[in-house]
Structures are given as structure tokens and as C-alpha cells.
Amino acid sequence: MRVFYQLWHQPLMTINGEHLIAQAITACGGVNVFAALPALTPTVSWEAAAQADPQLIASARVDGQTVPDGRWAELPTIAAVRRGRYALLPPDLLGRMGPRFVDGAQLLCEAIDAAR
């Protein structure tokens, strides 16, 4: 399961393979599509995100949000967009490196399993 984790949408920011969230993606059986980038939290283009063709797009959510912020709707060729596979997770779990990170990782694993 190819996963894109979105930190921010303007500019589009993600995580590399050394980030703790990326380690959770791997532990959940996912593959971080930008794991090989050198920066911990790299900026990528929307075109690069489309070319990576993630099967799941994960991000922190704002209450009531159903799709991550950004231009995803403009990129219907991406597998995750075509199938509506988004994992919008509570921002206070994965985004904060504390004991509750484990709860966020569990939600991420559940989202990856559901997207399969």
C-alpha cells in the first residue's frame, strides 16, 4: 500500500523515511512514497505527488474535514483520489511525539488496512 503523508498543502510538504510517522507507516505495512528524500520534512510538487501515485493519502484533519487540504480533486489519476482513500487522523495524536503517538499509529494502521 503506497502512502503519502501530507504535513501541509501550501507548499505541499511530506515526510521522508526517517520520520517517526514514516516508521509507523512501515510498521503498518505501508510504503512511504517519499521515503528516499534526504530532508526529514521535504517540500514536493503536486506533480511529484501525482507521479508517486499513492493508494492512500493520510493527513491530520480539521473537524468535519473529509478530504485533505490542497489540490487533490484536480488530480483524479491518483489511485487514492480515484477511490476516495483518505486517512484524516486527529492532529494531536500523530503530530505530537508523546505517549499518544501509539494511538495515532493504531488509527493509521487501521486506515491502511481499510484501504487495502
Foldseek 3Di string as FASTA:
>chain_A
DEEFEFEDVVQTKGAACVDPVNVLCVVLVYHHLRNPDDDGIDGDHPVVVLVSQGLEYEYADDPPDQDDDYDLCVRCSRNCSVVVQYHHFHCVQCVDPDPSVVVRSVSVSVSVVVSD
